[in-house]
Each structure stands twice: as C-alpha cells, then as structure tokens.
Amino acid sequence: MSVIDAITKAYANLSVPVNGLFLPVPTVIESLQRFCRPLAFHNDGHDYDISFSGSCLLVRHRGRNLLLCSRHQLTNANRTSDQIMIIVDDGQGRRVGINPNEVSQATLDPSSDPNYADLADIMIAEYAPRHPDRDISSHFLSLDLASACDLRSVDPASVDAIFSIGYPTGDTSYDTTFDDEWRLLGIDVVSRWWKLYFKTATRTLWDGAGLVPLDPANTVDPIPDVPDGISGAPVFFIHGIKGRRPELGFAGIIVRGNKQGRVNMIEAAHIRQALALHIDR
C-alpha cells in the first residue's frame, strides 16, 4: 500500500482545494498529473516531430501562464529554448504544439559562492493566455507560488505526504507506423508518468550545495531504475490531514537524482525569487 493511500484511508471524506475545486485527498495526484508534463521539444526536419527531455510543471502564477523546469534539461539535450513547446488540443480533435512567447533563466549574484550554482538551474517559459485565438489557461495549474505554503513555512509534524510527478526517460516509447514499402507514415511518442513519494532527509556528501535532499518515503512504492527524466518534476506536499484541514503545498522542483531514489530539489523559496525577477523585468 502506498504512503498516501495508507494516510488517506481514514480520511477519504476530506477534500483539498486544487485549481478551484475541492478534491477528495486520494484523487489529488491524478488531478495534478495533467499539469505535470514531459518537457517537449519540436524537431524540425526530423522523422520524430517531438522529443522529450525530463519533466516540467505548467502553472498559472500571478495571472501568468508559466512552464517551470531545470535549465540543464535543455543543455544536456543540446536544445534551445525556442524549441520548447506544450501540446494542446486545437478544439477539432487534433493536437498542436505551441512555443513560449518568452523565456528567462535564473542567475546567481556575481558575489555568490560558485559551489551553489545548482540554485540557478531554473528555467521559466511564459505563454500568452490566448494563442492565437483560444484561451490556453486551462492547461496551467492555478496556484500562486508566492502565497502557497512550502516546507519551510509549515510544522514538519503536520506534513502528511511529500510527492512528485515525473516522466523517467526509460518509460518513453516511440511507436512507428509504416506502409507496405516500409515508408514512415507516422510516429506516436508516449511518455509514462510516475508518482514518487518522499520524506525529508539528512544531507550527505552526494547532495548539491544549497539543494534540499529527499529520500524515498518507504521501500514499498517503486522508484525508477534510472533517474534520468526526473529533473524538472515538481514536488508537492499535503499537510493538515490530522487536523482535518488538508492543504496542498509546493516544495520545489527536482534537479538531481540517483538510482537509490534519493533526489535533490531547488526549494520553493529560490523558485519564487526567480519568478519575481521574471515578472518584474
């Protein structure tokens, strides 16, 4: 039995506000999953129209439609920000890719310790609400990250579950269709999502400076054999179930992981700083 299932068994009648709706606690992760995507790129002139590199979050913050991920997801894949896209329904049963209107990357103060460079591993892509004639805001989770609680601001004893939604590279498949003469007709790219449960951990030599370490919450829930693709995945948490007032919190985004299931995240406080710079520039 998974962590969140065990916790919510006795509290299934409680609800958590998510995206303007009050959802039963056990359904929160499935509802959030549609806003947690694989980071997609358009491949111009290749057989594969799209490819993926890690995970990302689509969030509507301060009235802005934003995609959050880590910067190294682009550099490791040798891609540029203008190749990023989100995939939406065009209203006629077809899927179309939309590029961001602008992109910004976090920077460190020049006087900062270079050992803390991982804290700048944040990329923000913004999408105009209408593109070109339809509102795409419904594809973004309505969550003001400036006011959402984080792990710093709540009593650790009140935290019921810490979890992430990510897209490991090993669970991405390319299904191809050919004609009788083996000419390529089409390719469907499928990336399967994982829900991962964590607990706070004590820092080790493996952990990056300034990053927050998390370990698997237990030995029952599966973890990916290879962590590649987890970077950019958002980390959420639920707290307050015992007080019968559960709330959703935002903890950060994952930027590192290992085969034992341990991850490092950039915590929400640093992401808020990057968001403020993006919006105020």
C-alpha atoms as a PDB file:
ATOM      1  CA  MET A   1       0.000   0.000   0.000  1.00  0.00           C
ATOM      2  CA  SER A   2       1.426   3.394  -0.967  1.00  0.00           C
ATOM      3  CA  VAL A   3       2.107   6.156   1.528  1.00  0.00           C
ATOM      4  CA  ILE A   4      -0.743   8.423   0.536  1.00  0.00           C
ATOM      5  CA  ASP A   5      -3.229   5.529   0.359  1.00  0.00           C
ATOM      6  CA  ALA A   6      -2.360   4.473   3.908  1.00  0.00           C
ATOM      7  CA  ILE A   7      -2.699   8.021   5.204  1.00  0.00           C
ATOM      8  CA  THR A   8      -5.962   8.783   3.458  1.00  0.00           C
ATOM      9  CA  LYS A   9      -7.783   5.537   4.200  1.00  0.00           C
ATOM     10  CA  ALA A  10      -9.321   7.009   7.340  1.00  0.00           C
ATOM     11  CA  TYR A  11      -9.706  10.494   5.839  1.00  0.00           C
ATOM     12  CA  ALA A  12     -11.179   9.771   2.404  1.00  0.00           C
ATOM     13  CA  ASN A  13     -14.096  12.130   3.071  1.00  0.00           C
ATOM     14  CA  LEU A  14     -11.752  15.114   3.438  1.00  0.00           C
ATOM     15  CA  SER A  15     -11.063  17.371   0.464  1.00  0.00           C
ATOM     16  CA  VAL A  16      -8.180  19.554  -0.679  1.00  0.00           C
ATOM     17  CA  PRO A  17      -8.600  22.751  -2.735  1.00  0.00           C
ATOM     18  CA  VAL A  18      -6.833  22.246  -6.079  1.00  0.00           C
ATOM     19  CA  ASN A  19      -7.282  24.507  -9.107  1.00  0.00           C
ATOM     20  CA  GLY A  20     -10.513  25.979  -7.797  1.00  0.00           C
ATOM     21  CA  LEU A  21     -12.064  22.612  -6.919  1.00  0.00           C
ATOM     22  CA  PHE A  22     -12.318  20.703  -3.648  1.00  0.00           C
ATOM     23  CA  LEU A  23     -10.999  17.231  -4.367  1.00  0.00           C
ATOM     24  CA  PRO A  24     -11.015  14.116  -2.176  1.00  0.00           C
ATOM     25  CA  VAL A  25      -7.493  13.583  -0.839  1.00  0.00           C
ATOM     26  CA  PRO A  26      -6.919  10.282  -2.743  1.00  0.00           C
ATOM     27  CA  THR A  27      -7.615  11.970  -6.115  1.00  0.00           C
ATOM     28  CA  VAL A  28      -5.244  14.926  -5.728  1.00  0.00           C
ATOM     29  CA  ILE A  29      -2.263  13.361  -7.510  1.00  0.00           C
ATOM     30  CA  GLU A  30      -4.319  12.221 -10.504  1.00  0.00           C
ATOM     31  CA  SER A  31      -5.755  15.741 -10.814  1.00  0.00           C
ATOM     32  CA  LEU A  32      -2.318  17.372 -10.636  1.00  0.00           C
ATOM     33  CA  GLN A  33      -0.858  14.982 -13.201  1.00  0.00           C
ATOM     34  CA  ARG A  34      -2.375  16.821 -16.169  1.00  0.00           C
ATOM     35  CA  PHE A  35      -0.337  19.914 -15.263  1.00  0.00           C
ATOM     36  CA  CYS A  36       2.894  17.922 -14.875  1.00  0.00           C
ATOM     37  CA  ARG A  37       4.217  17.164 -18.350  1.00  0.00           C
ATOM     38  CA  PRO A  38       7.301  15.781 -20.039  1.00  0.00           C
ATOM     39  CA  LEU A  39       9.338  18.709 -21.343  1.00  0.00           C
ATOM     40  CA  ALA A  40       8.697  18.560 -25.096  1.00  0.00           C
ATOM     41  CA  PHE A  41      10.768  19.893 -27.988  1.00  0.00           C
ATOM     42  CA  HIS A  42       9.878  20.374 -31.642  1.00  0.00           C
ATOM     43  CA  ASN A  43      12.254  18.599 -34.021  1.00  0.00           C
ATOM     44  CA  ASP A  44      12.281  20.481 -37.320  1.00  0.00           C
ATOM     45  CA  GLY A  45      13.268  18.316 -40.282  1.00  0.00           C
ATOM     46  CA  HIS A  46      13.447  15.016 -38.386  1.00  0.00           C
ATOM     47  CA  ASP A  47      11.360  11.826 -38.537  1.00  0.00           C
ATOM     48  CA  TYR A  48      10.308  12.424 -34.941  1.00  0.00           C
ATOM     49  CA  ASP A  49       8.279  15.645 -34.723  1.00  0.00           C
ATOM     50  CA  ILE A  50       8.741  15.821 -30.973  1.00  0.00           C
ATOM     51  CA  SER A  51      11.104  14.524 -28.335  1.00  0.00           C
ATOM     52  CA  PHE A  52      11.231  14.769 -24.562  1.00  0.00           C
ATOM     53  CA  SER A  53      13.868  15.727 -22.010  1.00  0.00           C
ATOM     54  CA  GLY A  54      12.790  15.362 -18.415  1.00  0.00           C
ATOM     55  CA  SER A  55       9.709  16.790 -16.730  1.00  0.00           C
ATOM     56  CA  CYS A  56       8.085  20.180 -16.145  1.00  0.00           C
ATOM     57  CA  LEU A  57       5.209  21.954 -14.414  1.00  0.00           C
ATOM     58  CA  LEU A  58       2.608  24.145 -16.106  1.00  0.00           C
ATOM     59  CA  VAL A  59       1.399  26.682 -13.535  1.00  0.00           C
ATOM     60  CA  ARG A  60      -0.714  29.841 -13.639  1.00  0.00           C
ATOM     61  CA  HIS A  61       1.067  32.182 -11.235  1.00  0.00           C
ATOM     62  CA  ARG A  62       0.013  35.799 -10.687  1.00  0.00           C
ATOM     63  CA  GLY A  63      -2.158  35.585 -13.797  1.00  0.00           C
ATOM     64  CA  ARG A  64       0.764  34.398 -15.967  1.00  0.00           C
ATOM     65  CA  ASN A  65       0.915  31.034 -17.775  1.00  0.00           C
ATOM     66  CA  LEU A  66       4.337  29.622 -16.922  1.00  0.00           C
ATOM     67  CA  LEU A  67       6.304  26.461 -17.620  1.00  0.00           C
ATOM     68  CA  LEU A  68       8.879  25.610 -14.939  1.00  0.00           C
ATOM     69  CA  CYS A  69      11.767  23.210 -15.435  1.00  0.00           C
ATOM     70  CA  SER A  70      15.524  22.994 -14.905  1.00  0.00           C
ATOM     71  CA  ARG A  71      17.928  24.657 -17.312  1.00  0.00           C
ATOM     72  CA  HIS A  72      20.142  21.582 -17.649  1.00  0.00           C
ATOM     73  CA  GLN A  73      17.273  19.716 -19.329  1.00  0.00           C
ATOM     74  CA  LEU A  74      17.970  21.895 -22.382  1.00  0.00           C
ATOM     75  CA  THR A  75      21.761  21.910 -22.220  1.00  0.00           C
ATOM     76  CA  ASN A  76      22.005  18.140 -21.693  1.00  0.00           C
ATOM     77  CA  ALA A  77      19.786  17.568 -24.732  1.00  0.00           C
ATOM     78  CA  ASN A  78      21.635  20.217 -26.774  1.00  0.00           C
ATOM     79  CA  ARG A  79      18.395  22.130 -27.298  1.00  0.00           C
ATOM     80  CA  THR A  80      17.430  25.802 -27.260  1.00  0.00           C
ATOM     81  CA  SER A  81      14.504  27.488 -25.570  1.00  0.00           C
ATOM     82  CA  ASP A  82      12.786  28.328 -28.869  1.00  0.00           C
ATOM     83  CA  GLN A  83      12.348  24.586 -29.473  1.00  0.00           C
ATOM     84  CA  ILE A  84      10.284  24.103 -26.305  1.00  0.00           C
ATOM     85  CA  MET A  85       6.593  23.523 -26.815  1.00  0.00           C
ATOM     86  CA  ILE A  86       3.483  22.451 -24.980  1.00  0.00           C
ATOM     87  CA  ILE A  87       0.999  20.187 -26.727  1.00  0.00           C
ATOM     88  CA  VAL A  88      -2.685  21.145 -26.594  1.00  0.00           C
ATOM     89  CA  ASP A  89      -5.916  20.153 -28.292  1.00  0.00           C
ATOM     90  CA  ASP A  90      -6.850  22.541 -31.100  1.00  0.00           C
ATOM     91  CA  GLY A  91     -10.571  22.073 -30.461  1.00  0.00           C
ATOM     92  CA  GLN A  92     -11.027  19.908 -33.556  1.00  0.00           C
ATOM     93  CA  GLY A  93      -9.618  16.671 -32.204  1.00  0.00           C
ATOM     94  CA  ARG A  94      -6.049  17.409 -33.266  1.00  0.00           C
ATOM     95  CA  ARG A  95      -3.029  18.151 -31.145  1.00  0.00           C
ATOM     96  CA  VAL A  96      -0.826  21.129 -31.837  1.00  0.00           C
ATOM     97  CA  GLY A  97       2.461  22.309 -30.347  1.00  0.00           C
ATOM     98  CA  ILE A  98       2.797  25.868 -29.032  1.00  0.00           C
ATOM     99  CA  ASN A  99       6.100  27.622 -28.412  1.00  0.00           C
ATOM    100  CA  PRO A 100       6.543  30.051 -25.494  1.00  0.00           C
ATOM    101  CA  ASN A 101       6.341  33.807 -26.000  1.00  0.00           C
ATOM    102  CA  GLU A 102       9.355  34.465 -23.794  1.00  0.00           C
ATOM    103  CA  VAL A 103      11.876  32.572 -21.705  1.00  0.00           C
ATOM    104  CA  SER A 104      14.090  33.551 -18.790  1.00  0.00           C
ATOM    105  CA  GLN A 105      16.749  31.743 -16.787  1.00  0.00           C
ATOM    106  CA  ALA A 106      17.698  32.205 -13.174  1.00  0.00           C
ATOM    107  CA  THR A 107      21.053  33.788 -12.379  1.00  0.00           C
ATOM    108  CA  LEU A 108      23.184  33.932  -9.265  1.00  0.00           C
ATOM    109  CA  ASP A 109      24.543  37.131  -7.787  1.00  0.00           C
ATOM    110  CA  PRO A 110      28.157  37.526  -9.009  1.00  0.00           C
ATOM    111  CA  SER A 111      29.311  37.503  -5.394  1.00  0.00           C
ATOM    112  CA  SER A 112      27.635  34.158  -4.694  1.00  0.00           C
ATOM    113  CA  ASP A 113      29.635  31.062  -3.824  1.00  0.00           C
ATOM    114  CA  PRO A 114      30.146  29.143  -7.120  1.00  0.00           C
ATOM    115  CA  ASN A 115      29.508  25.906  -5.219  1.00  0.00           C
ATOM    116  CA  TYR A 116      25.856  26.960  -5.105  1.00  0.00           C
ATOM    117  CA  ALA A 117      25.492  27.140  -8.893  1.00  0.00           C
ATOM    118  CA  ASP A 118      22.752  24.480  -8.844  1.00  0.00           C
ATOM    119  CA  LEU A 119      20.398  27.069  -7.336  1.00  0.00           C
ATOM    120  CA  ALA A 120      20.393  28.860 -10.703  1.00  0.00           C
ATOM    121  CA  ASP A 121      19.314  25.696 -12.544  1.00  0.00           C
ATOM    122  CA  ILE A 122      15.844  27.154 -13.147  1.00  0.00           C
ATOM    123  CA  MET A 123      14.187  27.995 -16.439  1.00  0.00           C
ATOM    124  CA  ILE A 124      10.853  29.790 -16.894  1.00  0.00           C
ATOM    125  CA  ALA A 125       8.909  29.849 -20.158  1.00  0.00           C
ATOM    126  CA  GLU A 126       5.834  32.065 -20.461  1.00  0.00           C
ATOM    127  CA  TYR A 127       2.805  31.561 -22.694  1.00  0.00           C
ATOM    128  CA  ALA A 128       0.327  34.264 -23.667  1.00  0.00           C
ATOM    129  CA  PRO A 129      -3.222  33.456 -22.450  1.00  0.00           C
ATOM    130  CA  ARG A 130      -4.608  33.355 -25.998  1.00  0.00           C
ATOM    131  CA  HIS A 131      -2.721  31.585 -28.752  1.00  0.00           C
ATOM    132  CA  PRO A 132      -3.724  32.631 -31.322  1.00  0.00           C
ATOM    133  CA  ASP A 133      -7.480  32.716 -30.793  1.00  0.00           C
ATOM    134  CA  ARG A 134      -8.149  30.299 -27.934  1.00  0.00           C
ATOM    135  CA  ASP A 135      -7.550  30.569 -24.203  1.00  0.00           C
ATOM    136  CA  ILE A 136      -4.924  28.023 -23.133  1.00  0.00           C
ATOM    137  CA  SER A 137      -5.006  28.931 -19.434  1.00  0.00           C
ATOM    138  CA  SER A 138      -6.932  25.747 -18.553  1.00  0.00           C
ATOM    139  CA  HIS A 139      -3.758  23.781 -19.291  1.00  0.00           C
ATOM    140  CA  PHE A 140      -1.991  25.510 -16.372  1.00  0.00           C
ATOM    141  CA  LEU A 141      -2.452  24.744 -12.680  1.00  0.00           C
ATOM    142  CA  SER A 142      -3.911  27.764 -10.903  1.00  0.00           C
ATOM    143  CA  LEU A 143      -1.509  28.102  -7.972  1.00  0.00           C
ATOM    144  CA  ASP A 144       0.042  31.335  -6.758  1.00  0.00           C
ATOM    145  CA  LEU A 145       3.521  30.116  -5.843  1.00  0.00           C
ATOM    146  CA  ALA A 146       4.235  33.302  -3.902  1.00  0.00           C
ATOM    147  CA  SER A 147       1.493  32.561  -1.378  1.00  0.00           C
ATOM    148  CA  ALA A 148       1.455  28.736  -1.488  1.00  0.00           C
ATOM    149  CA  CYS A 149       2.875  27.163   1.648  1.00  0.00           C
ATOM    150  CA  ASP A 150       6.255  25.437   1.402  1.00  0.00           C
ATOM    151  CA  LEU A 151       8.151  23.044   3.640  1.00  0.00           C
ATOM    152  CA  ARG A 152       9.828  25.955   5.427  1.00  0.00           C
ATOM    153  CA  SER A 153       6.528  27.517   6.450  1.00  0.00           C
ATOM    154  CA  VAL A 154       4.677  24.525   7.933  1.00  0.00           C
ATOM    155  CA  ASP A 155       5.200  22.413  11.029  1.00  0.00           C
ATOM    156  CA  PRO A 156       7.057  19.256   9.879  1.00  0.00           C
ATOM    157  CA  ALA A 157       4.731  17.192  12.065  1.00  0.00           C
ATOM    158  CA  SER A 158       1.748  18.397  10.006  1.00  0.00           C
ATOM    159  CA  VAL A 159       3.160  17.115   6.686  1.00  0.00           C
ATOM    160  CA  ASP A 160       1.252  14.004   5.642  1.00  0.00           C
ATOM    161  CA  ALA A 161       2.786  13.198   2.251  1.00  0.00           C
ATOM    162  CA  ILE A 162       5.505  14.625   0.001  1.00  0.00           C
ATOM    163  CA  PHE A 163       5.213  13.568  -3.621  1.00  0.00           C
ATOM    164  CA  SER A 164       6.335  14.309  -7.154  1.00  0.00           C
ATOM    165  CA  ILE A 165       5.037  13.559 -10.649  1.00  0.00           C
ATOM    166  CA  GLY A 166       7.731  12.902 -13.243  1.00  0.00           C
ATOM    167  CA  TYR A 167       8.480  11.246 -16.572  1.00  0.00           C
ATOM    168  CA  PRO A 168      11.513   8.920 -16.469  1.00  0.00           C
ATOM    169  CA  THR A 169      13.248   8.638 -19.835  1.00  0.00           C
ATOM    170  CA  GLY A 170      13.185   4.854 -19.611  1.00  0.00           C
ATOM    171  CA  ASP A 171       9.381   4.913 -19.801  1.00  0.00           C
ATOM    172  CA  THR A 172       9.241   6.825 -23.084  1.00  0.00           C
ATOM    173  CA  SER A 173       8.378   4.782 -26.177  1.00  0.00           C
ATOM    174  CA  TYR A 174       8.260   5.586 -29.899  1.00  0.00           C
ATOM    175  CA  ASP A 175       5.553   3.681 -31.799  1.00  0.00           C
ATOM    176  CA  THR A 176       6.117   3.895 -35.568  1.00  0.00           C
ATOM    177  CA  THR A 177       3.731   3.151 -38.434  1.00  0.00           C
ATOM    178  CA  PHE A 178       4.973   2.172 -41.938  1.00  0.00           C
ATOM    179  CA  ASP A 179       3.283   1.464 -45.276  1.00  0.00           C
ATOM    180  CA  ASP A 180       3.761  -1.746 -47.294  1.00  0.00           C
ATOM    181  CA  GLU A 181       7.039  -0.422 -48.676  1.00  0.00           C
ATOM    182  CA  TRP A 182       8.327   0.438 -45.189  1.00  0.00           C
ATOM    183  CA  ARG A 183       7.994   4.160 -45.698  1.00  0.00           C
ATOM    184  CA  LEU A 184       7.384   6.008 -42.462  1.00  0.00           C
ATOM    185  CA  LEU A 185       3.780   7.129 -42.078  1.00  0.00           C
ATOM    186  CA  GLY A 186       3.695   8.361 -38.506  1.00  0.00           C
ATOM    187  CA  ILE A 187       5.179   8.171 -35.054  1.00  0.00           C
ATOM    188  CA  ASP A 188       3.419   8.284 -31.694  1.00  0.00           C
ATOM    189  CA  VAL A 189       5.627   9.261 -28.783  1.00  0.00           C
ATOM    190  CA  VAL A 190       4.349   8.117 -25.390  1.00  0.00           C
ATOM    191  CA  SER A 191       5.898   9.166 -22.080  1.00  0.00           C
ATOM    192  CA  ARG A 192       4.519   7.467 -18.968  1.00  0.00           C
ATOM    193  CA  TRP A 193       4.289   9.271 -15.653  1.00  0.00           C
ATOM    194  CA  TRP A 194       5.341   8.115 -12.217  1.00  0.00           C
ATOM    195  CA  LYS A 195       4.144   9.271  -8.825  1.00  0.00           C
ATOM    196  CA  LEU A 196       7.006   9.288  -6.350  1.00  0.00           C
ATOM    197  CA  TYR A 197       6.693   9.618  -2.571  1.00  0.00           C
ATOM    198  CA  PHE A 198       9.441  11.199  -0.486  1.00  0.00           C
ATOM    199  CA  LYS A 199      10.486  12.098   3.025  1.00  0.00           C
ATOM    200  CA  THR A 200      12.918  14.771   4.159  1.00  0.00           C
ATOM    201  CA  ALA A 201      16.491  13.516   4.523  1.00  0.00           C
ATOM    202  CA  THR A 202      19.748  14.373   6.236  1.00  0.00           C
ATOM    203  CA  ARG A 203      22.390  15.907   3.978  1.00  0.00           C
ATOM    204  CA  THR A 204      25.214  13.685   2.676  1.00  0.00           C
ATOM    205  CA  LEU A 205      28.347  14.307   0.605  1.00  0.00           C
ATOM    206  CA  TRP A 206      26.369  13.381  -2.541  1.00  0.00           C
ATOM    207  CA  ASP A 207      23.912  16.264  -2.137  1.00  0.00           C
ATOM    208  CA  GLY A 208      24.400  19.520  -4.007  1.00  0.00           C
ATOM    209  CA  ALA A 209      25.183  22.701  -2.085  1.00  0.00           C
ATOM    210  CA  GLY A 210      22.021  24.668  -1.344  1.00  0.00           C
ATOM    211  CA  LEU A 211      19.730  21.895  -2.577  1.00  0.00           C
ATOM    212  CA  VAL A 212      17.231  20.047  -0.371  1.00  0.00           C
ATOM    213  CA  PRO A 213      17.662  16.257  -0.144  1.00  0.00           C
ATOM    214  CA  LEU A 214      14.710  13.861  -0.168  1.00  0.00           C
ATOM    215  CA  ASP A 215      14.678  10.081   0.192  1.00  0.00           C
ATOM    216  CA  PRO A 216      12.010   7.565  -0.895  1.00  0.00           C
ATOM    217  CA  ALA A 217       9.252   7.561   1.701  1.00  0.00           C
ATOM    218  CA  ASN A 218       9.340   3.789   2.082  1.00  0.00           C
ATOM    219  CA  THR A 219      10.562   0.572   0.462  1.00  0.00           C
ATOM    220  CA  VAL A 220       7.152  -0.427  -0.890  1.00  0.00           C
ATOM    221  CA  ASP A 221       6.419   2.159  -3.568  1.00  0.00           C
ATOM    222  CA  PRO A 222       8.529   1.580  -6.712  1.00  0.00           C
ATOM    223  CA  ILE A 223      11.203   4.000  -7.897  1.00  0.00           C
ATOM    224  CA  PRO A 224      12.647   4.290 -11.437  1.00  0.00           C
ATOM    225  CA  ASP A 225      15.636   2.041 -12.138  1.00  0.00           C
ATOM    226  CA  VAL A 226      17.336   5.045 -13.771  1.00  0.00           C
ATOM    227  CA  PRO A 227      16.511   8.571 -12.525  1.00  0.00           C
ATOM    228  CA  ASP A 228      17.089  10.239 -15.912  1.00  0.00           C
ATOM    229  CA  GLY A 229      13.992  12.276 -16.795  1.00  0.00           C
ATOM    230  CA  ILE A 230      13.019  13.180 -13.227  1.00  0.00           C
ATOM    231  CA  SER A 231      14.724  16.586 -13.451  1.00  0.00           C
ATOM    232  CA  GLY A 232      12.165  19.367 -13.642  1.00  0.00           C
ATOM    233  CA  ALA A 233       9.481  17.370 -11.847  1.00  0.00           C
ATOM    234  CA  PRO A 234       7.591  19.487  -9.284  1.00  0.00           C
ATOM    235  CA  VAL A 235       7.475  18.401  -5.646  1.00  0.00           C
ATOM    236  CA  PHE A 236       4.169  18.940  -3.824  1.00  0.00           C
ATOM    237  CA  PHE A 237       3.021  18.008  -0.355  1.00  0.00           C
ATOM    238  CA  ILE A 238      -0.208  17.643   1.595  1.00  0.00           C
ATOM    239  CA  HIS A 239      -0.377  18.809   5.177  1.00  0.00           C
ATOM    240  CA  GLY A 240      -3.089  19.239   7.807  1.00  0.00           C
ATOM    241  CA  ILE A 241      -4.953  15.955   7.343  1.00  0.00           C
ATOM    242  CA  LYS A 242      -4.710  15.122  11.042  1.00  0.00           C
ATOM    243  CA  GLY A 243      -6.259  18.498  11.862  1.00  0.00           C
ATOM    244  CA  ARG A 244      -8.956  17.768   9.288  1.00  0.00           C
ATOM    245  CA  ARG A 245      -7.954  20.823   7.229  1.00  0.00           C
ATOM    246  CA  PRO A 246      -5.746  19.416   4.471  1.00  0.00           C
ATOM    247  CA  GLU A 247      -3.967  21.792   2.117  1.00  0.00           C
ATOM    248  CA  LEU A 248      -1.735  21.438  -0.916  1.00  0.00           C
ATOM    249  CA  GLY A 249       1.765  22.889  -0.686  1.00  0.00           C
ATOM    250  CA  PHE A 250       4.565  23.417  -3.198  1.00  0.00           C
ATOM    251  CA  ALA A 251       8.042  22.289  -2.091  1.00  0.00           C
ATOM    252  CA  GLY A 252      10.206  22.842  -5.203  1.00  0.00           C
ATOM    253  CA  ILE A 253      11.479  21.142  -8.356  1.00  0.00           C
ATOM    254  CA  ILE A 254      13.834  18.178  -8.678  1.00  0.00           C
ATOM    255  CA  VAL A 255      17.219  18.787 -10.300  1.00  0.00           C
ATOM    256  CA  ARG A 256      19.229  15.695  -9.294  1.00  0.00           C
ATOM    257  CA  GLY A 257      18.549  12.030  -8.564  1.00  0.00           C
ATOM    258  CA  ASN A 258      20.297   8.709  -8.080  1.00  0.00           C
ATOM    259  CA  LYS A 259      19.468   5.030  -8.513  1.00  0.00           C
ATOM    260  CA  GLN A 260      18.583   4.639  -4.841  1.00  0.00           C
ATOM    261  CA  GLY A 261      15.676   7.041  -5.324  1.00  0.00           C
ATOM    262  CA  ARG A 262      17.293   9.941  -3.490  1.00  0.00           C
ATOM    263  CA  VAL A 263      16.678  13.327  -5.116  1.00  0.00           C
ATOM    264  CA  ASN A 264      17.766  16.920  -4.630  1.00  0.00           C
ATOM    265  CA  MET A 265      15.348  19.763  -5.236  1.00  0.00           C
ATOM    266  CA  ILE A 266      15.597  23.509  -5.569  1.00  0.00           C
ATOM    267  CA  GLU A 267      13.221  24.598  -2.852  1.00  0.00           C
ATOM    268  CA  ALA A 268      10.270  26.886  -3.395  1.00  0.00           C
ATOM    269  CA  ALA A 269      11.939  29.951  -1.842  1.00  0.00           C
ATOM    270  CA  HIS A 270      14.545  30.094  -4.616  1.00  0.00           C
ATOM    271  CA  ILE A 271      11.952  29.453  -7.308  1.00  0.00           C
ATOM    272  CA  ARG A 272       9.877  32.361  -6.004  1.00  0.00           C
ATOM    273  CA  GLN A 273      12.918  34.627  -6.346  1.00  0.00           C
ATOM    274  CA  ALA A 274      13.378  33.545  -9.973  1.00  0.00           C
ATOM    275  CA  LEU A 275       9.674  34.095 -10.662  1.00  0.00           C
ATOM    276  CA  ALA A 276       9.777  37.593  -9.176  1.00  0.00           C
ATOM    277  CA  LEU A 277      12.721  38.528 -11.402  1.00  0.00           C
ATOM    278  CA  HIS A 278      10.943  37.107 -14.459  1.00  0.00           C
ATOM    279  CA  ILE A 279       7.724  39.019 -13.804  1.00  0.00           C
ATOM    280  CA  ASP A 280       9.336  42.295 -12.742  1.00  0.00           C
ATOM    281  CA  ARG A 281      11.916  42.572 -15.509  1.00  0.00           C
END
